[in-house]
Amino acid sequence: MIKIDALLVFLGIGLQIYALFDVARAPQENFTKWPKWAWLIIVILFGLIGSLVWIMSGRKNNGGTPRAPRRRPGRDLPPDDNPDFLRNL
């Protein structure tokens, strides 16, 4: 039973550390509802609950980095839209 309790404590601490670094590294445009400094205070002061609130509702889920346009078979892309061409520059 002690092992399960210790595992839950470590998972909670890991979630808090993840949320803290996620808030600190996110650009200001990715914040909803409150500014970055407010989210940092919420995650630090409210610990696990603040981390869960941040992960569930505090950030925009835009998929991270922008993705290259998907290529359709048989369709040529102009050089400025072709990720393979741009990568080789």
PDB file of N, CA and C in Angstrom:
ATOM      1  N   MET A   1       0.822  -1.192   0.000  1.00  0.00           N
ATOM      2  CA  MET A   1       0.000   0.000   0.000  1.00  0.00           C
ATOM      3  C   MET A   1       0.868   1.258   0.000  1.00  0.00           C
ATOM      4  N   ILE A   2       1.985   1.191   0.676  1.00  0.00           N
ATOM      5  CA  ILE A   2       2.876   2.355   0.732  1.00  0.00           C
ATOM      6  C   ILE A   2       3.451   2.643  -0.648  1.00  0.00           C
ATOM      7  N   LYS A   3       3.716   1.620  -1.425  1.00  0.00           N
ATOM      8  CA  LYS A   3       4.270   1.823  -2.758  1.00  0.00           C
ATOM      9  C   LYS A   3       3.290   2.559  -3.667  1.00  0.00           C
ATOM     10  N   ILE A   4       2.015   2.237  -3.556  1.00  0.00           N
ATOM     11  CA  ILE A   4       1.001   2.913  -4.367  1.00  0.00           C
ATOM     12  C   ILE A   4       0.885   4.371  -3.947  1.00  0.00           C
ATOM     13  N   ASP A   5       0.916   4.634  -2.661  1.00  0.00           N
ATOM     14  CA  ASP A   5       0.846   6.013  -2.172  1.00  0.00           C
ATOM     15  C   ASP A   5       2.048   6.824  -2.641  1.00  0.00           C
ATOM     16  N   ALA A   6       3.222   6.229  -2.571  1.00  0.00           N
ATOM     17  CA  ALA A   6       4.423   6.922  -3.025  1.00  0.00           C
ATOM     18  C   ALA A   6       4.360   7.183  -4.524  1.00  0.00           C
ATOM     19  N   LEU A   7       3.836   6.234  -5.284  1.00  0.00           N
ATOM     20  CA  LEU A   7       3.695   6.417  -6.724  1.00  0.00           C
ATOM     21  C   LEU A   7       2.750   7.584  -7.036  1.00  0.00           C
ATOM     22  N   LEU A   8       1.649   7.670  -6.317  1.00  0.00           N
ATOM     23  CA  LEU A   8       0.704   8.770  -6.534  1.00  0.00           C
ATOM     24  C   LEU A   8       1.326  10.117  -6.176  1.00  0.00           C
ATOM     25  N   VAL A   9       2.113  10.151  -5.123  1.00  0.00           N
ATOM     26  CA  VAL A   9       2.791  11.389  -4.745  1.00  0.00           C
ATOM     27  C   VAL A   9       3.774  11.809  -5.826  1.00  0.00           C
ATOM     28  N   PHE A  10       4.564  10.863  -6.326  1.00  0.00           N
ATOM     29  CA  PHE A  10       5.527  11.186  -7.381  1.00  0.00           C
ATOM     30  C   PHE A  10       4.842  11.606  -8.676  1.00  0.00           C
ATOM     31  N   LEU A  11       3.720  10.977  -9.011  1.00  0.00           N
ATOM     32  CA  LEU A  11       2.973  11.384 -10.199  1.00  0.00           C
ATOM     33  C   LEU A  11       2.413  12.798 -10.043  1.00  0.00           C
ATOM     34  N   GLY A  12       1.934  13.117  -8.849  1.00  0.00           N
ATOM     35  CA  GLY A  12       1.422  14.462  -8.591  1.00  0.00           C
ATOM     36  C   GLY A  12       2.511  15.516  -8.685  1.00  0.00           C
ATOM     37  N   ILE A  13       3.664  15.218  -8.122  1.00  0.00           N
ATOM     38  CA  ILE A  13       4.796  16.154  -8.205  1.00  0.00           C
ATOM     39  C   ILE A  13       5.258  16.306  -9.651  1.00  0.00           C
ATOM     40  N   GLY A  14       5.300  15.207 -10.383  1.00  0.00           N
ATOM     41  CA  GLY A  14       5.681  15.270 -11.789  1.00  0.00           C
ATOM     42  C   GLY A  14       4.703  16.102 -12.608  1.00  0.00           C
ATOM     43  N   LEU A  15       3.419  15.965 -12.340  1.00  0.00           N
ATOM     44  CA  LEU A  15       2.412  16.757 -13.037  1.00  0.00           C
ATOM     45  C   LEU A  15       2.573  18.239 -12.723  1.00  0.00           C
ATOM     46  N   GLN A  16       2.856  18.564 -11.481  1.00  0.00           N
ATOM     47  CA  GLN A  16       3.060  19.967 -11.102  1.00  0.00           C
ATOM     48  C   GLN A  16       4.293  20.552 -11.793  1.00  0.00           C
ATOM     49  N   ILE A  17       5.373  19.787 -11.838  1.00  0.00           N
ATOM     50  CA  ILE A  17       6.589  20.272 -12.501  1.00  0.00           C
ATOM     51  C   ILE A  17       6.336  20.447 -13.994  1.00  0.00           C
ATOM     52  N   TYR A  18       5.645  19.488 -14.612  1.00  0.00           N
ATOM     53  CA  TYR A  18       5.318  19.600 -16.029  1.00  0.00           C
ATOM     54  C   TYR A  18       4.487  20.857 -16.297  1.00  0.00           C
ATOM     55  N   ALA A  19       3.451  21.074 -15.493  1.00  0.00           N
ATOM     56  CA  ALA A  19       2.578  22.234 -15.698  1.00  0.00           C
ATOM     57  C   ALA A  19       3.348  23.539 -15.491  1.00  0.00           C
ATOM     58  N   LEU A  20       4.213  23.586 -14.516  1.00  0.00           N
ATOM     59  CA  LEU A  20       4.985  24.799 -14.250  1.00  0.00           C
ATOM     60  C   LEU A  20       5.895  25.132 -15.439  1.00  0.00           C
ATOM     61  N   PHE A  21       6.608  24.139 -15.959  1.00  0.00           N
ATOM     62  CA  PHE A  21       7.468  24.380 -17.112  1.00  0.00           C
ATOM     63  C   PHE A  21       6.656  24.672 -18.369  1.00  0.00           C
ATOM     64  N   ASP A  22       5.497  24.041 -18.500  1.00  0.00           N
ATOM     65  CA  ASP A  22       4.650  24.280 -19.661  1.00  0.00           C
ATOM     66  C   ASP A  22       4.139  25.718 -19.665  1.00  0.00           C
ATOM     67  N   VAL A  23       3.729  26.219 -18.514  1.00  0.00           N
ATOM     68  CA  VAL A  23       3.286  27.612 -18.416  1.00  0.00           C
ATOM     69  C   VAL A  23       4.453  28.551 -18.696  1.00  0.00           C
ATOM     70  N   ALA A  24       5.606  28.267 -18.118  1.00  0.00           N
ATOM     71  CA  ALA A  24       6.749  29.167 -18.257  1.00  0.00           C
ATOM     72  C   ALA A  24       7.247  29.236 -19.698  1.00  0.00           C
ATOM     73  N   ARG A  25       7.169  28.149 -20.440  1.00  0.00           N
ATOM     74  CA  ARG A  25       7.703  28.125 -21.807  1.00  0.00           C
ATOM     75  C   ARG A  25       6.698  28.527 -22.872  1.00  0.00           C
ATOM     76  N   ALA A  26       5.421  28.557 -22.552  1.00  0.00           N
ATOM     77  CA  ALA A  26       4.398  28.859 -23.553  1.00  0.00           C
ATOM     78  C   ALA A  26       4.432  30.343 -23.921  1.00  0.00           C
ATOM     79  N   PRO A  27       4.278  30.651 -25.216  1.00  0.00           N
ATOM     80  CA  PRO A  27       4.216  32.059 -25.615  1.00  0.00           C
ATOM     81  C   PRO A  27       2.900  32.696 -25.152  1.00  0.00           C
ATOM     82  N   GLN A  28       2.909  33.992 -24.985  1.00  0.00           N
ATOM     83  CA  GLN A  28       1.757  34.713 -24.452  1.00  0.00           C
ATOM     84  C   GLN A  28       0.495  34.496 -25.294  1.00  0.00           C
ATOM     85  N   GLU A  29       0.630  34.266 -26.601  1.00  0.00           N
ATOM     86  CA  GLU A  29      -0.528  34.089 -27.465  1.00  0.00           C
ATOM     87  C   GLU A  29      -1.300  32.804 -27.173  1.00  0.00           C
ATOM     88  N   ASN A  30      -0.676  31.847 -26.504  1.00  0.00           N
ATOM     89  CA  ASN A  30      -1.316  30.562 -26.241  1.00  0.00           C
ATOM     90  C   ASN A  30      -2.133  30.539 -24.957  1.00  0.00           C
ATOM     91  N   PHE A  31      -2.293  31.664 -24.312  1.00  0.00           N
ATOM     92  CA  PHE A  31      -3.005  31.688 -23.041  1.00  0.00           C
ATOM     93  C   PHE A  31      -4.449  32.098 -23.251  1.00  0.00           C
ATOM     94  N   THR A  32      -5.336  31.421 -22.541  1.00  0.00           N
ATOM     95  CA  THR A  32      -6.740  31.802 -22.544  1.00  0.00           C
ATOM     96  C   THR A  32      -7.112  32.242 -21.138  1.00  0.00           C
ATOM     97  N   LYS A  33      -8.092  33.058 -21.045  1.00  0.00           N
ATOM     98  CA  LYS A  33      -8.695  33.512 -19.791  1.00  0.00           C
ATOM     99  C   LYS A  33      -7.810  34.459 -18.989  1.00  0.00           C
ATOM    100  N   TRP A  34      -6.589  34.074 -18.633  1.00  0.00           N
ATOM    101  CA  TRP A  34      -5.723  34.902 -17.799  1.00  0.00           C
ATOM    102  C   TRP A  34      -4.341  35.010 -18.411  1.00  0.00           C
ATOM    103  N   PRO A  35      -3.576  36.042 -18.020  1.00  0.00           N
ATOM    104  CA  PRO A  35      -2.211  36.189 -18.555  1.00  0.00           C
ATOM    105  C   PRO A  35      -1.252  35.151 -17.951  1.00  0.00           C
ATOM    106  N   LYS A  36      -0.074  35.117 -18.515  1.00  0.00           N
ATOM    107  CA  LYS A  36       0.940  34.133 -18.123  1.00  0.00           C
ATOM    108  C   LYS A  36       1.290  34.209 -16.644  1.00  0.00           C
ATOM    109  N   TRP A  37       1.498  35.421 -16.124  1.00  0.00           N
ATOM    110  CA  TRP A  37       1.893  35.559 -14.717  1.00  0.00           C
ATOM    111  C   TRP A  37       0.813  35.013 -13.791  1.00  0.00           C
ATOM    112  N   ALA A  38      -0.465  35.186 -14.161  1.00  0.00           N
ATOM    113  CA  ALA A  38      -1.549  34.674 -13.314  1.00  0.00           C
ATOM    114  C   ALA A  38      -1.542  33.140 -13.297  1.00  0.00           C
ATOM    115  N   TRP A  39      -1.298  32.536 -14.469  1.00  0.00           N
ATOM    116  CA  TRP A  39      -1.242  31.077 -14.515  1.00  0.00           C
ATOM    117  C   TRP A  39      -0.063  30.534 -13.718  1.00  0.00           C
ATOM    118  N   LEU A  40       1.069  31.219 -13.761  1.00  0.00           N
ATOM    119  CA  LEU A  40       2.208  30.775 -12.949  1.00  0.00           C
ATOM    120  C   LEU A  40       1.858  30.791 -11.461  1.00  0.00           C
ATOM    121  N   ILE A  41       1.195  31.845 -11.015  1.00  0.00           N
ATOM    122  CA  ILE A  41       0.793  31.931  -9.602  1.00  0.00           C
ATOM    123  C   ILE A  41      -0.203  30.836  -9.257  1.00  0.00           C
ATOM    124  N   ILE A  42      -1.167  30.578 -10.146  1.00  0.00           N
ATOM    125  CA  ILE A  42      -2.170  29.538  -9.895  1.00  0.00           C
ATOM    126  C   ILE A  42      -1.506  28.167  -9.769  1.00  0.00           C
ATOM    127  N   VAL A  43      -0.597  27.851 -10.683  1.00  0.00           N
ATOM    128  CA  VAL A  43       0.066  26.539 -10.645  1.00  0.00           C
ATOM    129  C   VAL A  43       0.938  26.404  -9.406  1.00  0.00           C
ATOM    130  N   ILE A  44       1.615  27.471  -9.007  1.00  0.00           N
ATOM    131  CA  ILE A  44       2.486  27.399  -7.838  1.00  0.00           C
ATOM    132  C   ILE A  44       1.675  27.322  -6.544  1.00  0.00           C
ATOM    133  N   LEU A  45       0.668  28.167  -6.405  1.00  0.00           N
ATOM    134  CA  LEU A  45      -0.083  28.221  -5.151  1.00  0.00           C
ATOM    135  C   LEU A  45      -1.038  27.045  -4.943  1.00  0.00           C
ATOM    136  N   PHE A  46      -1.680  26.598  -6.022  1.00  0.00           N
ATOM    137  CA  PHE A  46      -2.692  25.559  -5.869  1.00  0.00           C
ATOM    138  C   PHE A  46      -2.199  24.171  -6.220  1.00  0.00           C
ATOM    139  N   GLY A  47      -0.936  24.049  -6.559  1.00  0.00           N
ATOM    140  CA  GLY A  47      -0.308  22.745  -6.748  1.00  0.00           C
ATOM    141  C   GLY A  47      -0.999  21.856  -7.758  1.00  0.00           C
ATOM    142  N   LEU A  48      -1.423  20.696  -7.324  1.00  0.00           N
ATOM    143  CA  LEU A  48      -2.001  19.697  -8.219  1.00  0.00           C
ATOM    144  C   LEU A  48      -3.292  20.196  -8.864  1.00  0.00           C
ATOM    145  N   ILE A  49      -4.139  20.855  -8.106  1.00  0.00           N
ATOM    146  CA  ILE A  49      -5.399  21.365  -8.656  1.00  0.00           C
ATOM    147  C   ILE A  49      -5.122  22.451  -9.689  1.00  0.00           C
ATOM    148  N   GLY A  50      -4.212  23.354  -9.395  1.00  0.00           N
ATOM    149  CA  GLY A  50      -3.850  24.392 -10.351  1.00  0.00           C
ATOM    150  C   GLY A  50      -3.243  23.813 -11.619  1.00  0.00           C
ATOM    151  N   SER A  51      -2.448  22.755 -11.475  1.00  0.00           N
ATOM    152  CA  SER A  51      -1.850  22.092 -12.637  1.00  0.00           C
ATOM    153  C   SER A  51      -2.921  21.454 -13.509  1.00  0.00           C
ATOM    154  N   LEU A  52      -3.877  20.789 -12.882  1.00  0.00           N
ATOM    155  CA  LEU A  52      -4.954  20.168 -13.647  1.00  0.00           C
ATOM    156  C   LEU A  52      -5.819  21.211 -14.349  1.00  0.00           C
ATOM    157  N   VAL A  53      -6.088  22.317 -13.676  1.00  0.00           N
ATOM    158  CA  VAL A  53      -6.872  23.389 -14.302  1.00  0.00           C
ATOM    159  C   VAL A  53      -6.114  23.957 -15.494  1.00  0.00           C
ATOM    160  N   TRP A  54      -4.804  24.152 -15.357  1.00  0.00           N
ATOM    161  CA  TRP A  54      -3.999  24.666 -16.475  1.00  0.00           C
ATOM    162  C   TRP A  54      -4.051  23.709 -17.673  1.00  0.00           C
ATOM    163  N   ILE A  55      -3.865  22.437 -17.426  1.00  0.00           N
ATOM    164  CA  ILE A  55      -3.816  21.470 -18.508  1.00  0.00           C
ATOM    165  C   ILE A  55      -5.182  21.333 -19.187  1.00  0.00           C
ATOM    166  N   MET A  56      -6.255  21.400 -18.412  1.00  0.00           N
ATOM    167  CA  MET A  56      -7.578  21.208 -18.993  1.00  0.00           C
ATOM    168  C   MET A  56      -8.147  22.454 -19.651  1.00  0.00           C
ATOM    169  N   SER A  57      -7.855  23.640 -19.125  1.00  0.00           N
ATOM    170  CA  SER A  57      -8.550  24.807 -19.672  1.00  0.00           C
ATOM    171  C   SER A  57      -7.683  26.034 -19.893  1.00  0.00           C
ATOM    172  N   GLY A  58      -6.449  26.025 -19.471  1.00  0.00           N
ATOM    173  CA  GLY A  58      -5.659  27.238 -19.528  1.00  0.00           C
ATOM    174  C   GLY A  58      -4.953  27.514 -20.823  1.00  0.00           C
ATOM    175  N   ARG A  59      -4.727  26.513 -21.628  1.00  0.00           N
ATOM    176  CA  ARG A  59      -3.958  26.722 -22.842  1.00  0.00           C
ATOM    177  C   ARG A  59      -4.785  26.359 -24.062  1.00  0.00           C
ATOM    178  N   LYS A  60      -4.396  26.960 -25.168  1.00  0.00           N
ATOM    179  CA  LYS A  60      -5.035  26.611 -26.424  1.00  0.00           C
ATOM    180  C   LYS A  60      -4.416  25.320 -26.925  1.00  0.00           C
ATOM    181  N   ASN A  61      -5.223  24.451 -27.424  1.00  0.00           N
ATOM    182  CA  ASN A  61      -4.714  23.205 -27.990  1.00  0.00           C
ATOM    183  C   ASN A  61      -4.585  23.375 -29.494  1.00  0.00           C
ATOM    184  N   ASN A  62      -3.512  24.034 -29.895  1.00  0.00           N
ATOM    185  CA  ASN A  62      -3.306  24.273 -31.318  1.00  0.00           C
ATOM    186  C   ASN A  62      -2.398  23.238 -31.949  1.00  0.00           C
ATOM    187  N   GLY A  63      -2.098  22.178 -31.245  1.00  0.00           N
ATOM    188  CA  GLY A  63      -1.278  21.119 -31.811  1.00  0.00           C
ATOM    189  C   GLY A  63       0.217  21.382 -31.758  1.00  0.00           C
ATOM    190  N   GLY A  64       0.638  22.399 -31.043  1.00  0.00           N
ATOM    191  CA  GLY A  64       2.069  22.656 -30.928  1.00  0.00           C
ATOM    192  C   GLY A  64       2.602  23.444 -32.101  1.00  0.00           C
ATOM    193  N   THR A  65       3.663  22.960 -32.692  1.00  0.00           N
ATOM    194  CA  THR A  65       4.307  23.680 -33.780  1.00  0.00           C
ATOM    195  C   THR A  65       3.475  23.574 -35.051  1.00  0.00           C
ATOM    196  N   PRO A  66       3.558  24.590 -35.904  1.00  0.00           N
ATOM    197  CA  PRO A  66       2.796  24.511 -37.153  1.00  0.00           C
ATOM    198  C   PRO A  66       3.303  23.380 -38.036  1.00  0.00           C
ATOM    199  N   ARG A  67       2.377  22.747 -38.699  1.00  0.00           N
ATOM    200  CA  ARG A  67       2.727  21.609 -39.539  1.00  0.00           C
ATOM    201  C   ARG A  67       2.829  22.039 -40.982  1.00  0.00           C
ATOM    202  N   ALA A  68       3.620  21.316 -41.718  1.00  0.00           N
ATOM    203  CA  ALA A  68       3.747  21.561 -43.152  1.00  0.00           C
ATOM    204  C   ALA A  68       2.444  21.135 -43.831  1.00  0.00           C
ATOM    205  N   PRO A  69       2.096  21.785 -44.931  1.00  0.00           N
ATOM    206  CA  PRO A  69       0.866  21.384 -45.618  1.00  0.00           C
ATOM    207  C   PRO A  69       0.969  19.949 -46.120  1.00  0.00           C
ATOM    208  N   ARG A  70      -0.160  19.246 -46.056  1.00  0.00           N
ATOM    209  CA  ARG A  70      -0.179  17.855 -46.518  1.00  0.00           C
ATOM    210  C   ARG A  70      -0.154  17.826 -48.037  1.00  0.00           C
ATOM    211  N   ARG A  71       0.653  16.946 -48.535  1.00  0.00           N
ATOM    212  CA  ARG A  71       0.756  16.816 -49.991  1.00  0.00           C
ATOM    213  C   ARG A  71      -0.241  15.779 -50.472  1.00  0.00           C
ATOM    214  N   ARG A  72      -0.931  16.146 -51.514  1.00  0.00           N
ATOM    215  CA  ARG A  72      -1.848  15.213 -52.147  1.00  0.00           C
ATOM    216  C   ARG A  72      -1.123  14.558 -53.317  1.00  0.00           C
ATOM    217  N   PRO A  73      -1.353  13.280 -53.533  1.00  0.00           N
ATOM    218  CA  PRO A  73      -0.687  12.614 -54.651  1.00  0.00           C
ATOM    219  C   PRO A  73      -1.093  13.261 -55.982  1.00  0.00           C
ATOM    220  N   GLY A  74      -0.094  13.468 -56.830  1.00  0.00           N
ATOM    221  CA  GLY A  74      -0.354  14.012 -58.145  1.00  0.00           C
ATOM    222  C   GLY A  74      -0.518  15.513 -58.180  1.00  0.00           C
ATOM    223  N   ARG A  75      -0.269  16.184 -57.095  1.00  0.00           N
ATOM    224  CA  ARG A  75      -0.423  17.637 -57.059  1.00  0.00           C
ATOM    225  C   ARG A  75       0.925  18.251 -56.727  1.00  0.00           C
ATOM    226  N   ASP A  76       1.407  19.119 -57.581  1.00  0.00           N
ATOM    227  CA  ASP A  76       2.682  19.784 -57.357  1.00  0.00           C
ATOM    228  C   ASP A  76       2.474  21.039 -56.523  1.00  0.00           C
ATOM    229  N   LEU A  77       3.390  21.261 -55.597  1.00  0.00           N
ATOM    230  CA  LEU A  77       3.356  22.459 -54.773  1.00  0.00           C
ATOM    231  C   LEU A  77       4.337  23.476 -55.320  1.00  0.00           C
ATOM    232  N   PRO A  78       4.021  24.750 -55.215  1.00  0.00           N
ATOM    233  CA  PRO A  78       5.012  25.761 -55.583  1.00  0.00           C
ATOM    234  C   PRO A  78       6.184  25.706 -54.602  1.00  0.00           C
ATOM    235  N   PRO A  79       7.362  26.184 -55.001  1.00  0.00           N
ATOM    236  CA  PRO A  79       8.549  26.055 -54.146  1.00  0.00           C
ATOM    237  C   PRO A  79       8.396  26.680 -52.762  1.00  0.00           C
ATOM    238  N   ASP A  80       7.672  27.787 -52.641  1.00  0.00           N
ATOM    239  CA  ASP A  80       7.561  28.420 -51.325  1.00  0.00           C
ATOM    240  C   ASP A  80       6.615  27.671 -50.391  1.00  0.00           C
ATOM    241  N   ASP A  81       5.820  26.725 -50.897  1.00  0.00           N
ATOM    242  CA  ASP A  81       4.947  25.908 -50.059  1.00  0.00           C
ATOM    243  C   ASP A  81       5.455  24.483 -49.882  1.00  0.00           C
ATOM    244  N   ASN A  82       6.506  24.141 -50.593  1.00  0.00           N
ATOM    245  CA  ASN A  82       7.033  22.787 -50.567  1.00  0.00           C
ATOM    246  C   ASN A  82       8.042  22.645 -49.421  1.00  0.00           C
ATOM    247  N   PRO A  83       7.706  21.871 -48.366  1.00  0.00           N
ATOM    248  CA  PRO A  83       8.630  21.754 -47.231  1.00  0.00           C
ATOM    249  C   PRO A  83       9.953  21.087 -47.604  1.00  0.00           C
ATOM    250  N   ASP A  84       9.936  20.164 -48.566  1.00  0.00           N
ATOM    251  CA  ASP A  84      11.196  19.514 -48.977  1.00  0.00           C
ATOM    252  C   ASP A  84      12.123  20.517 -49.642  1.00  0.00           C
ATOM    253  N   PHE A  85      11.576  21.374 -50.480  1.00  0.00           N
ATOM    254  CA  PHE A  85      12.388  22.391 -51.148  1.00  0.00           C
ATOM    255  C   PHE A  85      12.959  23.382 -50.123  1.00  0.00           C
ATOM    256  N   LEU A  86      12.110  23.832 -49.199  1.00  0.00           N
ATOM    257  CA  LEU A  86      12.555  24.811 -48.209  1.00  0.00           C
ATOM    258  C   LEU A  86      13.612  24.217 -47.273  1.00  0.00           C
ATOM    259  N   ARG A  87      13.485  22.936 -46.967  1.00  0.00           N
ATOM    260  CA  ARG A  87      14.441  22.270 -46.073  1.00  0.00           C
ATOM    261  C   ARG A  87      15.818  22.189 -46.717  1.00  0.00           C
ATOM    262  N   ASN A  88      15.867  22.115 -48.020  1.00  0.00           N
ATOM    263  CA  ASN A  88      17.142  21.968 -48.722  1.00  0.00           C
ATOM    264  C   ASN A  88      17.831  23.296 -49.023  1.00  0.00           C
ATOM    265  N   LEU A  89      17.222  24.411 -48.673  1.00  0.00           N
ATOM    266  CA  LEU A  89      17.841  25.712 -48.932  1.00  0.00           C
ATOM    267  C   LEU A  89      19.022  25.973 -48.042  1.00  0.00           C
TER     268      LEU A  89
END
